[in-house]
Amino acid sequence: MSEKSNGRPAGATPNGQPLLEKVNGKSVQEWLEVHPGWSRKSNTLFKEYRLASFRDSIVFVNRIAGLADAADHHPDIDIRFNRVLITLSTHSAKGITAKDLALAEALDHATSAG
């Protein structure tokens, strides 16, 4: 891989990680068709999970934290009592990447909430 004048590999993020490519719109739409509850708004994916209680919401967010750290990919999280809104986007790619789709699937497996 060639290097830029800043010492990072060409096509790398500031921390030296390779840039991820955006998933094309058709592929995102096909993914959404088989992943209920997820929607797309511009360059983000989002889903609202409804849980039984505030405590269940916090437990779920703690699971999200572990999955996000393991994936080195961190969603935006909004907690409203028994609702948890997740928004995913890869900022370095300015859109939705395979990393977003993979984390979304992992989050769905982390809860049975719809």
PDB file of N, CA and C in Angstrom:
ATOM      1  N   MET A   1       0.849  -1.175   0.000  1.00  0.00           N
ATOM      2  CA  MET A   1       0.000   0.000   0.000  1.00  0.00           C
ATOM      3  C   MET A   1       0.892   1.235   0.000  1.00  0.00           C
ATOM      4  N   SER A   2       0.570   2.192  -0.841  1.00  0.00           N
ATOM      5  CA  SER A   2       1.377   3.408  -0.897  1.00  0.00           C
ATOM      6  C   SER A   2       1.085   4.283   0.310  1.00  0.00           C
ATOM      7  N   GLU A   3       2.034   5.192   0.621  1.00  0.00           N
ATOM      8  CA  GLU A   3       1.836   6.086   1.753  1.00  0.00           C
ATOM      9  C   GLU A   3       1.648   7.505   1.265  1.00  0.00           C
ATOM     10  N   LYS A   4       0.824   8.244   2.000  1.00  0.00           N
ATOM     11  CA  LYS A   4       0.655   9.664   1.741  1.00  0.00           C
ATOM     12  C   LYS A   4       1.742  10.408   2.496  1.00  0.00           C
ATOM     13  N   SER A   5       1.817  11.695   2.285  1.00  0.00           N
ATOM     14  CA  SER A   5       2.846  12.495   2.935  1.00  0.00           C
ATOM     15  C   SER A   5       2.673  12.563   4.453  1.00  0.00           C
ATOM     16  N   ASN A   6       1.494  12.243   4.981  1.00  0.00           N
ATOM     17  CA  ASN A   6       1.279  12.280   6.422  1.00  0.00           C
ATOM     18  C   ASN A   6       1.727  10.988   7.109  1.00  0.00           C
ATOM     19  N   GLY A   7       2.282  10.046   6.358  1.00  0.00           N
ATOM     20  CA  GLY A   7       2.794   8.815   6.932  1.00  0.00           C
ATOM     21  C   GLY A   7       1.763   7.700   7.032  1.00  0.00           C
ATOM     22  N   ARG A   8       0.495   8.010   6.767  1.00  0.00           N
ATOM     23  CA  ARG A   8      -0.541   6.978   6.802  1.00  0.00           C
ATOM     24  C   ARG A   8      -0.648   6.345   5.423  1.00  0.00           C
ATOM     25  N   PRO A   9      -1.079   5.073   5.383  1.00  0.00           N
ATOM     26  CA  PRO A   9      -1.317   4.456   4.077  1.00  0.00           C
ATOM     27  C   PRO A   9      -2.400   5.226   3.323  1.00  0.00           C
ATOM     28  N   ALA A  10      -2.269   5.298   2.015  1.00  0.00           N
ATOM     29  CA  ALA A  10      -3.296   5.947   1.202  1.00  0.00           C
ATOM     30  C   ALA A  10      -4.614   5.230   1.425  1.00  0.00           C
ATOM     31  N   GLY A  11      -5.689   5.990   1.557  1.00  0.00           N
ATOM     32  CA  GLY A  11      -6.995   5.388   1.778  1.00  0.00           C
ATOM     33  C   GLY A  11      -7.204   4.907   3.194  1.00  0.00           C
ATOM     34  N   ALA A  12      -6.492   5.489   4.156  1.00  0.00           N
ATOM     35  CA  ALA A  12      -6.631   5.067   5.547  1.00  0.00           C
ATOM     36  C   ALA A  12      -7.228   6.185   6.381  1.00  0.00           C
ATOM     37  N   THR A  13      -7.864   5.790   7.479  1.00  0.00           N
ATOM     38  CA  THR A  13      -8.416   6.744   8.431  1.00  0.00           C
ATOM     39  C   THR A  13      -7.282   7.332   9.260  1.00  0.00           C
ATOM     40  N   PRO A  14      -7.546   8.375  10.065  1.00  0.00           N
ATOM     41  CA  PRO A  14      -6.487   8.973  10.885  1.00  0.00           C
ATOM     42  C   PRO A  14      -5.792   7.982  11.822  1.00  0.00           C
ATOM     43  N   ASN A  15      -6.508   6.918  12.257  1.00  0.00           N
ATOM     44  CA  ASN A  15      -5.852   5.938  13.125  1.00  0.00           C
ATOM     45  C   ASN A  15      -5.184   4.810  12.329  1.00  0.00           C
ATOM     46  N   GLY A  16      -5.104   4.983  11.013  1.00  0.00           N
ATOM     47  CA  GLY A  16      -4.390   4.015  10.177  1.00  0.00           C
ATOM     48  C   GLY A  16      -5.235   2.856   9.678  1.00  0.00           C
ATOM     49  N   GLN A  17      -6.516   2.811  10.060  1.00  0.00           N
ATOM     50  CA  GLN A  17      -7.389   1.734   9.613  1.00  0.00           C
ATOM     51  C   GLN A  17      -7.790   1.970   8.158  1.00  0.00           C
ATOM     52  N   PRO A  18      -7.954   0.897   7.370  1.00  0.00           N
ATOM     53  CA  PRO A  18      -8.375   1.080   5.978  1.00  0.00           C
ATOM     54  C   PRO A  18      -9.795   1.638   5.925  1.00  0.00           C
ATOM     55  N   LEU A  19     -10.043   2.481   4.937  1.00  0.00           N
ATOM     56  CA  LEU A  19     -11.380   3.012   4.732  1.00  0.00           C
ATOM     57  C   LEU A  19     -12.312   1.895   4.279  1.00  0.00           C
ATOM     58  N   LEU A  20     -13.527   1.950   4.734  1.00  0.00           N
ATOM     59  CA  LEU A  20     -14.533   0.998   4.290  1.00  0.00           C
ATOM     60  C   LEU A  20     -15.326   1.637   3.163  1.00  0.00           C
ATOM     61  N   GLU A  21     -15.714   0.828   2.209  1.00  0.00           N
ATOM     62  CA  GLU A  21     -16.496   1.349   1.096  1.00  0.00           C
ATOM     63  C   GLU A  21     -17.977   1.286   1.422  1.00  0.00           C
ATOM     64  N   LYS A  22     -18.717   2.282   0.952  1.00  0.00           N
ATOM     65  CA  LYS A  22     -20.160   2.291   1.147  1.00  0.00           C
ATOM     66  C   LYS A  22     -20.791   1.135   0.375  1.00  0.00           C
ATOM     67  N   VAL A  23     -21.851   0.592   0.959  1.00  0.00           N
ATOM     68  CA  VAL A  23     -22.648  -0.429   0.285  1.00  0.00           C
ATOM     69  C   VAL A  23     -23.602   0.308  -0.646  1.00  0.00           C
ATOM     70  N   ASN A  24     -23.787  -0.204  -1.867  1.00  0.00           N
ATOM     71  CA  ASN A  24     -24.653   0.512  -2.810  1.00  0.00           C
ATOM     72  C   ASN A  24     -26.111   0.462  -2.350  1.00  0.00           C
ATOM     73  N   GLY A  25     -26.880   1.418  -2.808  1.00  0.00           N
ATOM     74  CA  GLY A  25     -28.263   1.580  -2.380  1.00  0.00           C
ATOM     75  C   GLY A  25     -29.125   0.354  -2.603  1.00  0.00           C
ATOM     76  N   LYS A  26     -28.934  -0.323  -3.712  1.00  0.00           N
ATOM     77  CA  LYS A  26     -29.721  -1.523  -4.007  1.00  0.00           C
ATOM     78  C   LYS A  26     -29.415  -2.617  -2.992  1.00  0.00           C
ATOM     79  N   SER A  27     -28.154  -2.796  -2.649  1.00  0.00           N
ATOM     80  CA  SER A  27     -27.773  -3.812  -1.671  1.00  0.00           C
ATOM     81  C   SER A  27     -28.345  -3.489  -0.292  1.00  0.00           C
ATOM     82  N   VAL A  28     -28.331  -2.213   0.080  1.00  0.00           N
ATOM     83  CA  VAL A  28     -28.912  -1.809   1.363  1.00  0.00           C
ATOM     84  C   VAL A  28     -30.406  -2.105   1.359  1.00  0.00           C
ATOM     85  N   GLN A  29     -31.093  -1.782   0.276  1.00  0.00           N
ATOM     86  CA  GLN A  29     -32.536  -2.039   0.184  1.00  0.00           C
ATOM     87  C   GLN A  29     -32.830  -3.533   0.299  1.00  0.00           C
ATOM     88  N   GLU A  30     -32.041  -4.358  -0.353  1.00  0.00           N
ATOM     89  CA  GLU A  30     -32.232  -5.809  -0.264  1.00  0.00           C
ATOM     90  C   GLU A  30     -32.004  -6.292   1.166  1.00  0.00           C
ATOM     91  N   TRP A  31     -31.007  -5.733   1.843  1.00  0.00           N
ATOM     92  CA  TRP A  31     -30.728  -6.084   3.236  1.00  0.00           C
ATOM     93  C   TRP A  31     -31.909  -5.694   4.113  1.00  0.00           C
ATOM     94  N   LEU A  32     -32.446  -4.494   3.913  1.00  0.00           N
ATOM     95  CA  LEU A  32     -33.585  -4.023   4.711  1.00  0.00           C
ATOM     96  C   LEU A  32     -34.807  -4.921   4.557  1.00  0.00           C
ATOM     97  N   GLU A  33     -34.997  -5.483   3.382  1.00  0.00           N
ATOM     98  CA  GLU A  33     -36.162  -6.339   3.128  1.00  0.00           C
ATOM     99  C   GLU A  33     -36.153  -7.604   3.970  1.00  0.00           C
ATOM    100  N   VAL A  34     -34.998  -8.049   4.415  1.00  0.00           N
ATOM    101  CA  VAL A  34     -34.914  -9.279   5.212  1.00  0.00           C
ATOM    102  C   VAL A  34     -34.518  -9.026   6.667  1.00  0.00           C
ATOM    103  N   HIS A  35     -34.489  -7.761   7.071  1.00  0.00           N
ATOM    104  CA  HIS A  35     -34.156  -7.389   8.450  1.00  0.00           C
ATOM    105  C   HIS A  35     -35.239  -6.452   8.981  1.00  0.00           C
ATOM    106  N   PRO A  36     -36.308  -7.035   9.518  1.00  0.00           N
ATOM    107  CA  PRO A  36     -37.450  -6.225   9.959  1.00  0.00           C
ATOM    108  C   PRO A  36     -37.084  -5.205  11.029  1.00  0.00           C
ATOM    109  N   GLY A  37     -37.735  -4.054  10.909  1.00  0.00           N
ATOM    110  CA  GLY A  37     -37.553  -3.006  11.901  1.00  0.00           C
ATOM    111  C   GLY A  37     -36.486  -1.996  11.549  1.00  0.00           C
ATOM    112  N   TRP A  38     -35.540  -2.374  10.708  1.00  0.00           N
ATOM    113  CA  TRP A  38     -34.485  -1.444  10.297  1.00  0.00           C
ATOM    114  C   TRP A  38     -34.992  -0.577   9.154  1.00  0.00           C
ATOM    115  N   SER A  39     -34.591   0.681   9.166  1.00  0.00           N
ATOM    116  CA  SER A  39     -34.944   1.617   8.111  1.00  0.00           C
ATOM    117  C   SER A  39     -33.697   2.395   7.707  1.00  0.00           C
ATOM    118  N   ARG A  40     -33.824   3.060   6.598  1.00  0.00           N
ATOM    119  CA  ARG A  40     -32.724   3.891   6.110  1.00  0.00           C
ATOM    120  C   ARG A  40     -33.187   5.333   6.016  1.00  0.00           C
ATOM    121  N   LYS A  41     -32.352   6.211   6.478  1.00  0.00           N
ATOM    122  CA  LYS A  41     -32.586   7.642   6.295  1.00  0.00           C
ATOM    123  C   LYS A  41     -31.275   8.221   5.818  1.00  0.00           C
ATOM    124  N   SER A  42     -31.264   8.656   4.573  1.00  0.00           N
ATOM    125  CA  SER A  42     -30.059   9.206   3.966  1.00  0.00           C
ATOM    126  C   SER A  42     -28.920   8.193   4.064  1.00  0.00           C
ATOM    127  N   ASN A  43     -27.857   8.537   4.780  1.00  0.00           N
ATOM    128  CA  ASN A  43     -26.684   7.669   4.873  1.00  0.00           C
ATOM    129  C   ASN A  43     -26.608   6.918   6.193  1.00  0.00           C
ATOM    130  N   THR A  44     -27.776   6.666   6.827  1.00  0.00           N
ATOM    131  CA  THR A  44     -27.779   5.949   8.097  1.00  0.00           C
ATOM    132  C   THR A  44     -28.820   4.841   8.107  1.00  0.00           C
ATOM    133  N   LEU A  45     -28.568   3.854   8.958  1.00  0.00           N
ATOM    134  CA  LEU A  45     -29.548   2.831   9.285  1.00  0.00           C
ATOM    135  C   LEU A  45     -30.046   3.135  10.684  1.00  0.00           C
ATOM    136  N   PHE A  46     -31.315   2.866  10.959  1.00  0.00           N
ATOM    137  CA  PHE A  46     -31.794   3.059  12.316  1.00  0.00           C
ATOM    138  C   PHE A  46     -32.893   2.054  12.635  1.00  0.00           C
ATOM    139  N   LYS A  47     -33.008   1.786  13.939  1.00  0.00           N
ATOM    140  CA  LYS A  47     -34.040   0.885  14.435  1.00  0.00           C
ATOM    141  C   LYS A  47     -34.363   1.268  15.866  1.00  0.00           C
ATOM    142  N   GLU A  48     -35.654   1.224  16.186  1.00  0.00           N
ATOM    143  CA  GLU A  48     -36.077   1.439  17.564  1.00  0.00           C
ATOM    144  C   GLU A  48     -36.461   0.094  18.159  1.00  0.00           C
ATOM    145  N   TYR A  49     -35.788  -0.256  19.252  1.00  0.00           N
ATOM    146  CA  TYR A  49     -36.115  -1.464  19.994  1.00  0.00           C
ATOM    147  C   TYR A  49     -37.019  -1.060  21.151  1.00  0.00           C
ATOM    148  N   ARG A  50     -38.080  -1.823  21.376  1.00  0.00           N
ATOM    149  CA  ARG A  50     -38.969  -1.591  22.519  1.00  0.00           C
ATOM    150  C   ARG A  50     -38.775  -2.748  23.484  1.00  0.00           C
ATOM    151  N   LEU A  51     -38.439  -2.387  24.712  1.00  0.00           N
ATOM    152  CA  LEU A  51     -38.183  -3.381  25.737  1.00  0.00           C
ATOM    153  C   LEU A  51     -39.242  -3.278  26.833  1.00  0.00           C
ATOM    154  N   ALA A  52     -39.201  -4.214  27.782  1.00  0.00           N
ATOM    155  CA  ALA A  52     -40.238  -4.276  28.813  1.00  0.00           C
ATOM    156  C   ALA A  52     -40.142  -3.154  29.841  1.00  0.00           C
ATOM    157  N   SER A  53     -38.932  -2.659  30.072  1.00  0.00           N
ATOM    158  CA  SER A  53     -38.752  -1.670  31.136  1.00  0.00           C
ATOM    159  C   SER A  53     -37.493  -0.846  30.871  1.00  0.00           C
ATOM    160  N   PHE A  54     -37.335   0.200  31.673  1.00  0.00           N
ATOM    161  CA  PHE A  54     -36.120   1.001  31.599  1.00  0.00           C
ATOM    162  C   PHE A  54     -34.895   0.144  31.913  1.00  0.00           C
ATOM    163  N   ARG A  55     -34.997  -0.684  32.950  1.00  0.00           N
ATOM    164  CA  ARG A  55     -33.880  -1.559  33.323  1.00  0.00           C
ATOM    165  C   ARG A  55     -33.490  -2.470  32.151  1.00  0.00           C
ATOM    166  N   ASP A  56     -34.480  -3.041  31.471  1.00  0.00           N
ATOM    167  CA  ASP A  56     -34.187  -3.890  30.313  1.00  0.00           C
ATOM    168  C   ASP A  56     -33.498  -3.097  29.205  1.00  0.00           C
ATOM    169  N   SER A  57     -33.885  -1.828  29.058  1.00  0.00           N
ATOM    170  CA  SER A  57     -33.229  -0.971  28.069  1.00  0.00           C
ATOM    171  C   SER A  57     -31.749  -0.799  28.395  1.00  0.00           C
ATOM    172  N   ILE A  58     -31.451  -0.563  29.670  1.00  0.00           N
ATOM    173  CA  ILE A  58     -30.060  -0.373  30.088  1.00  0.00           C
ATOM    174  C   ILE A  58     -29.258  -1.661  29.925  1.00  0.00           C
ATOM    175  N   VAL A  59     -29.851  -2.792  30.252  1.00  0.00           N
ATOM    176  CA  VAL A  59     -29.171  -4.083  30.054  1.00  0.00           C
ATOM    177  C   VAL A  59     -28.850  -4.264  28.570  1.00  0.00           C
ATOM    178  N   PHE A  60     -29.821  -3.951  27.706  1.00  0.00           N
ATOM    179  CA  PHE A  60     -29.599  -4.057  26.265  1.00  0.00           C
ATOM    180  C   PHE A  60     -28.474  -3.127  25.803  1.00  0.00           C
ATOM    181  N   VAL A  61     -28.467  -1.898  26.288  1.00  0.00           N
ATOM    182  CA  VAL A  61     -27.411  -0.947  25.911  1.00  0.00           C
ATOM    183  C   VAL A  61     -26.046  -1.466  26.356  1.00  0.00           C
ATOM    184  N   ASN A  62     -25.976  -2.111  27.502  1.00  0.00           N
ATOM    185  CA  ASN A  62     -24.706  -2.700  27.935  1.00  0.00           C
ATOM    186  C   ASN A  62     -24.268  -3.820  26.996  1.00  0.00           C
ATOM    187  N   ARG A  63     -25.220  -4.603  26.498  1.00  0.00           N
ATOM    188  CA  ARG A  63     -24.873  -5.629  25.491  1.00  0.00           C
ATOM    189  C   ARG A  63     -24.360  -4.961  24.217  1.00  0.00           C
ATOM    190  N   ILE A  64     -25.027  -3.890  23.820  1.00  0.00           N
ATOM    191  CA  ILE A  64     -24.601  -3.149  22.628  1.00  0.00           C
ATOM    192  C   ILE A  64     -23.158  -2.669  22.797  1.00  0.00           C
ATOM    193  N   ALA A  65     -22.842  -2.156  23.983  1.00  0.00           N
ATOM    194  CA  ALA A  65     -21.488  -1.646  24.234  1.00  0.00           C
ATOM    195  C   ALA A  65     -20.445  -2.730  24.003  1.00  0.00           C
ATOM    196  N   GLY A  66     -20.708  -3.924  24.494  1.00  0.00           N
ATOM    197  CA  GLY A  66     -19.759  -5.027  24.295  1.00  0.00           C
ATOM    198  C   GLY A  66     -19.610  -5.394  22.829  1.00  0.00           C
ATOM    199  N   LEU A  67     -20.727  -5.485  22.119  1.00  0.00           N
ATOM    200  CA  LEU A  67     -20.680  -5.823  20.694  1.00  0.00           C
ATOM    201  C   LEU A  67     -19.983  -4.728  19.892  1.00  0.00           C
ATOM    202  N   ALA A  68     -20.281  -3.485  20.222  1.00  0.00           N
ATOM    203  CA  ALA A  68     -19.686  -2.358  19.496  1.00  0.00           C
ATOM    204  C   ALA A  68     -18.180  -2.301  19.725  1.00  0.00           C
ATOM    205  N   ASP A  69     -17.751  -2.493  20.968  1.00  0.00           N
ATOM    206  CA  ASP A  69     -16.306  -2.496  21.235  1.00  0.00           C
ATOM    207  C   ASP A  69     -15.616  -3.638  20.500  1.00  0.00           C
ATOM    208  N   ALA A  70     -16.232  -4.819  20.513  1.00  0.00           N
ATOM    209  CA  ALA A  70     -15.639  -5.971  19.826  1.00  0.00           C
ATOM    210  C   ALA A  70     -15.513  -5.715  18.323  1.00  0.00           C
ATOM    211  N   ALA A  71     -16.480  -5.005  17.753  1.00  0.00           N
ATOM    212  CA  ALA A  71     -16.465  -4.699  16.320  1.00  0.00           C
ATOM    213  C   ALA A  71     -15.681  -3.438  16.003  1.00  0.00           C
ATOM    214  N   ASP A  72     -15.254  -2.708  17.033  1.00  0.00           N
ATOM    215  CA  ASP A  72     -14.611  -1.407  16.878  1.00  0.00           C
ATOM    216  C   ASP A  72     -15.462  -0.510  15.972  1.00  0.00           C
ATOM    217  N   HIS A  73     -16.750  -0.500  16.296  1.00  0.00           N
ATOM    218  CA  HIS A  73     -17.723   0.270  15.501  1.00  0.00           C
ATOM    219  C   HIS A  73     -18.846   0.665  16.445  1.00  0.00           C
ATOM    220  N   HIS A  74     -19.052   1.940  16.653  1.00  0.00           N
ATOM    221  CA  HIS A  74     -19.912   2.403  17.737  1.00  0.00           C
ATOM    222  C   HIS A  74     -21.116   3.188  17.215  1.00  0.00           C
ATOM    223  N   PRO A  75     -22.327   2.685  17.502  1.00  0.00           N
ATOM    224  CA  PRO A  75     -23.541   3.348  17.030  1.00  0.00           C
ATOM    225  C   PRO A  75     -23.901   4.547  17.889  1.00  0.00           C
ATOM    226  N   ASP A  76     -24.787   5.377  17.372  1.00  0.00           N
ATOM    227  CA  ASP A  76     -25.425   6.404  18.181  1.00  0.00           C
ATOM    228  C   ASP A  76     -26.586   5.719  18.895  1.00  0.00           C
ATOM    229  N   ILE A  77     -26.739   5.991  20.190  1.00  0.00           N
ATOM    230  CA  ILE A  77     -27.762   5.335  21.004  1.00  0.00           C
ATOM    231  C   ILE A  77     -28.576   6.399  21.726  1.00  0.00           C
ATOM    232  N   ASP A  78     -29.888   6.302  21.610  1.00  0.00           N
ATOM    233  CA  ASP A  78     -30.809   7.199  22.306  1.00  0.00           C
ATOM    234  C   ASP A  78     -31.740   6.326  23.151  1.00  0.00           C
ATOM    235  N   ILE A  79     -31.729   6.527  24.462  1.00  0.00           N
ATOM    236  CA  ILE A  79     -32.550   5.742  25.381  1.00  0.00           C
ATOM    237  C   ILE A  79     -33.714   6.610  25.848  1.00  0.00           C
ATOM    238  N   ARG A  80     -34.920   6.110  25.687  1.00  0.00           N
ATOM    239  CA  ARG A  80     -36.138   6.787  26.150  1.00  0.00           C
ATOM    240  C   ARG A  80     -36.984   5.758  26.882  1.00  0.00           C
ATOM    241  N   PHE A  81     -36.798   5.673  28.203  1.00  0.00           N
ATOM    242  CA  PHE A  81     -37.483   4.728  29.067  1.00  0.00           C
ATOM    243  C   PHE A  81     -37.350   3.301  28.529  1.00  0.00           C
ATOM    244  N   ASN A  82     -38.379   2.757  27.881  1.00  0.00           N
ATOM    245  CA  ASN A  82     -38.303   1.374  27.409  1.00  0.00           C
ATOM    246  C   ASN A  82     -38.005   1.281  25.916  1.00  0.00           C
ATOM    247  N   ARG A  83     -37.545   2.387  25.328  1.00  0.00           N
ATOM    248  CA  ARG A  83     -37.210   2.405  23.902  1.00  0.00           C
ATOM    249  C   ARG A  83     -35.735   2.757  23.729  1.00  0.00           C
ATOM    250  N   VAL A  84     -35.083   2.031  22.836  1.00  0.00           N
ATOM    251  CA  VAL A  84     -33.681   2.297  22.522  1.00  0.00           C
ATOM    252  C   VAL A  84     -33.589   2.483  21.006  1.00  0.00           C
ATOM    253  N   LEU A  85     -33.192   3.679  20.593  1.00  0.00           N
ATOM    254  CA  LEU A  85     -33.034   3.973  19.165  1.00  0.00           C
ATOM    255  C   LEU A  85     -31.555   3.863  18.816  1.00  0.00           C
ATOM    256  N   ILE A  86     -31.265   3.024  17.841  1.00  0.00           N
ATOM    257  CA  ILE A  86     -29.896   2.809  17.360  1.00  0.00           C
ATOM    258  C   ILE A  86     -29.769   3.419  15.970  1.00  0.00           C
ATOM    259  N   THR A  87     -28.705   4.183  15.770  1.00  0.00           N
ATOM    260  CA  THR A  87     -28.401   4.739  14.452  1.00  0.00           C
ATOM    261  C   THR A  87     -26.986   4.323  14.077  1.00  0.00           C
ATOM    262  N   LEU A  88     -26.848   3.752  12.897  1.00  0.00           N
ATOM    263  CA  LEU A  88     -25.554   3.270  12.411  1.00  0.00           C
ATOM    264  C   LEU A  88     -25.164   3.964  11.118  1.00  0.00           C
ATOM    265  N   SER A  89     -23.896   4.322  11.036  1.00  0.00           N
ATOM    266  CA  SER A  89     -23.304   4.889   9.829  1.00  0.00           C
ATOM    267  C   SER A  89     -21.792   4.848  10.009  1.00  0.00           C
ATOM    268  N   THR A  90     -21.083   4.687   8.929  1.00  0.00           N
ATOM    269  CA  THR A  90     -19.626   4.731   8.991  1.00  0.00           C
ATOM    270  C   THR A  90     -19.192   6.122   8.567  1.00  0.00           C
ATOM    271  N   HIS A  91     -18.780   6.908   9.547  1.00  0.00           N
ATOM    272  CA  HIS A  91     -18.464   8.312   9.279  1.00  0.00           C
ATOM    273  C   HIS A  91     -17.329   8.472   8.273  1.00  0.00           C
ATOM    274  N   SER A  92     -16.305   7.621   8.362  1.00  0.00           N
ATOM    275  CA  SER A  92     -15.168   7.751   7.439  1.00  0.00           C
ATOM    276  C   SER A  92     -15.571   7.480   5.993  1.00  0.00           C
ATOM    277  N   ALA A  93     -16.606   6.666   5.797  1.00  0.00           N
ATOM    278  CA  ALA A  93     -17.089   6.370   4.443  1.00  0.00           C
ATOM    279  C   ALA A  93     -18.243   7.277   4.044  1.00  0.00           C
ATOM    280  N   LYS A  94     -18.732   8.069   5.007  1.00  0.00           N
ATOM    281  CA  LYS A  94     -19.875   8.956   4.770  1.00  0.00           C
ATOM    282  C   LYS A  94     -21.102   8.185   4.295  1.00  0.00           C
ATOM    283  N   GLY A  95     -21.333   7.027   4.935  1.00  0.00           N
ATOM    284  CA  GLY A  95     -22.501   6.234   4.557  1.00  0.00           C
ATOM    285  C   GLY A  95     -22.528   4.888   5.231  1.00  0.00           C
ATOM    286  N   ILE A  96     -23.329   4.013   4.676  1.00  0.00           N
ATOM    287  CA  ILE A  96     -23.547   2.668   5.209  1.00  0.00           C
ATOM    288  C   ILE A  96     -22.545   1.712   4.591  1.00  0.00           C
ATOM    289  N   THR A  97     -21.850   0.963   5.452  1.00  0.00           N
ATOM    290  CA  THR A  97     -20.873  -0.016   4.990  1.00  0.00           C
ATOM    291  C   THR A  97     -21.250  -1.403   5.514  1.00  0.00           C
ATOM    292  N   ALA A  98     -20.499  -2.394   5.071  1.00  0.00           N
ATOM    293  CA  ALA A  98     -20.713  -3.763   5.547  1.00  0.00           C
ATOM    294  C   ALA A  98     -20.554  -3.842   7.064  1.00  0.00           C
ATOM    295  N   LYS A  99     -19.726  -2.983   7.632  1.00  0.00           N
ATOM    296  CA  LYS A  99     -19.536  -2.966   9.085  1.00  0.00           C
ATOM    297  C   LYS A  99     -20.831  -2.562   9.794  1.00  0.00           C
ATOM    298  N   ASP A 100     -21.580  -1.641   9.225  1.00  0.00           N
ATOM    299  CA  ASP A 100     -22.875  -1.241   9.790  1.00  0.00           C
ATOM    300  C   ASP A 100     -23.871  -2.392   9.725  1.00  0.00           C
ATOM    301  N   LEU A 101     -23.927  -3.059   8.589  1.00  0.00           N
ATOM    302  CA  LEU A 101     -24.863  -4.164   8.423  1.00  0.00           C
ATOM    303  C   LEU A 101     -24.548  -5.299   9.394  1.00  0.00           C
ATOM    304  N   ALA A 102     -23.270  -5.606   9.555  1.00  0.00           N
ATOM    305  CA  ALA A 102     -22.869  -6.683  10.466  1.00  0.00           C
ATOM    306  C   ALA A 102     -23.216  -6.345  11.917  1.00  0.00           C
ATOM    307  N   LEU A 103     -22.982  -5.099  12.330  1.00  0.00           N
ATOM    308  CA  LEU A 103     -23.312  -4.716  13.698  1.00  0.00           C
ATOM    309  C   LEU A 103     -24.825  -4.717  13.898  1.00  0.00           C
ATOM    310  N   ALA A 104     -25.577  -4.280  12.919  1.00  0.00           N
ATOM    311  CA  ALA A 104     -27.039  -4.308  13.015  1.00  0.00           C
ATOM    312  C   ALA A 104     -27.536  -5.732  13.242  1.00  0.00           C
ATOM    313  N   GLU A 105     -26.984  -6.678  12.509  1.00  0.00           N
ATOM    314  CA  GLU A 105     -27.381  -8.069  12.684  1.00  0.00           C
ATOM    315  C   GLU A 105     -27.001  -8.574  14.074  1.00  0.00           C
ATOM    316  N   ALA A 106     -25.845  -8.213  14.564  1.00  0.00           N
ATOM    317  CA  ALA A 106     -25.414  -8.618  15.898  1.00  0.00           C
ATOM    318  C   ALA A 106     -26.352  -8.043  16.959  1.00  0.00           C
ATOM    319  N   LEU A 107     -26.791  -6.794  16.772  1.00  0.00           N
ATOM    320  CA  LEU A 107     -27.707  -6.177  17.731  1.00  0.00           C
ATOM    321  C   LEU A 107     -29.044  -6.905  17.747  1.00  0.00           C
ATOM    322  N   ASP A 108     -29.539  -7.290  16.574  1.00  0.00           N
ATOM    323  CA  ASP A 108     -30.790  -8.029  16.526  1.00  0.00           C
ATOM    324  C   ASP A 108     -30.679  -9.355  17.282  1.00  0.00           C
ATOM    325  N   HIS A 109     -29.525  -9.980  17.215  1.00  0.00           N
ATOM    326  CA  HIS A 109     -29.329 -11.242  17.934  1.00  0.00           C
ATOM    327  C   HIS A 109     -29.165 -11.024  19.439  1.00  0.00           C
ATOM    328  N   ALA A 110     -28.850  -9.821  19.851  1.00  0.00           N
ATOM    329  CA  ALA A 110     -28.597  -9.524  21.266  1.00  0.00           C
ATOM    330  C   ALA A 110     -29.887  -9.328  22.053  1.00  0.00           C
ATOM    331  N   THR A 111     -31.003  -9.254  21.362  1.00  0.00           N
ATOM    332  CA  THR A 111     -32.276  -9.067  22.045  1.00  0.00           C
ATOM    333  C   THR A 111     -33.380  -9.731  21.244  1.00  0.00           C
ATOM    334  N   SER A 112     -34.424 -10.082  21.912  1.00  0.00           N
ATOM    335  CA  SER A 112     -35.587 -10.591  21.195  1.00  0.00           C
ATOM    336  C   SER A 112     -36.614  -9.484  21.008  1.00  0.00           C
ATOM    337  N   ALA A 113     -36.251  -8.262  21.434  1.00  0.00           N
ATOM    338  CA  ALA A 113     -37.163  -7.121  21.275  1.00  0.00           C
ATOM    339  C   ALA A 113     -37.297  -6.783  19.810  1.00  0.00           C
ATOM    340  N   GLY A 114     -38.471  -6.391  19.396  1.00  0.00           N
ATOM    341  CA  GLY A 114     -38.709  -6.062  18.009  1.00  0.00           C
ATOM    342  C   GLY A 114     -38.436  -4.654  17.729  1.00  0.00           C
TER     343      GLY A 114
END
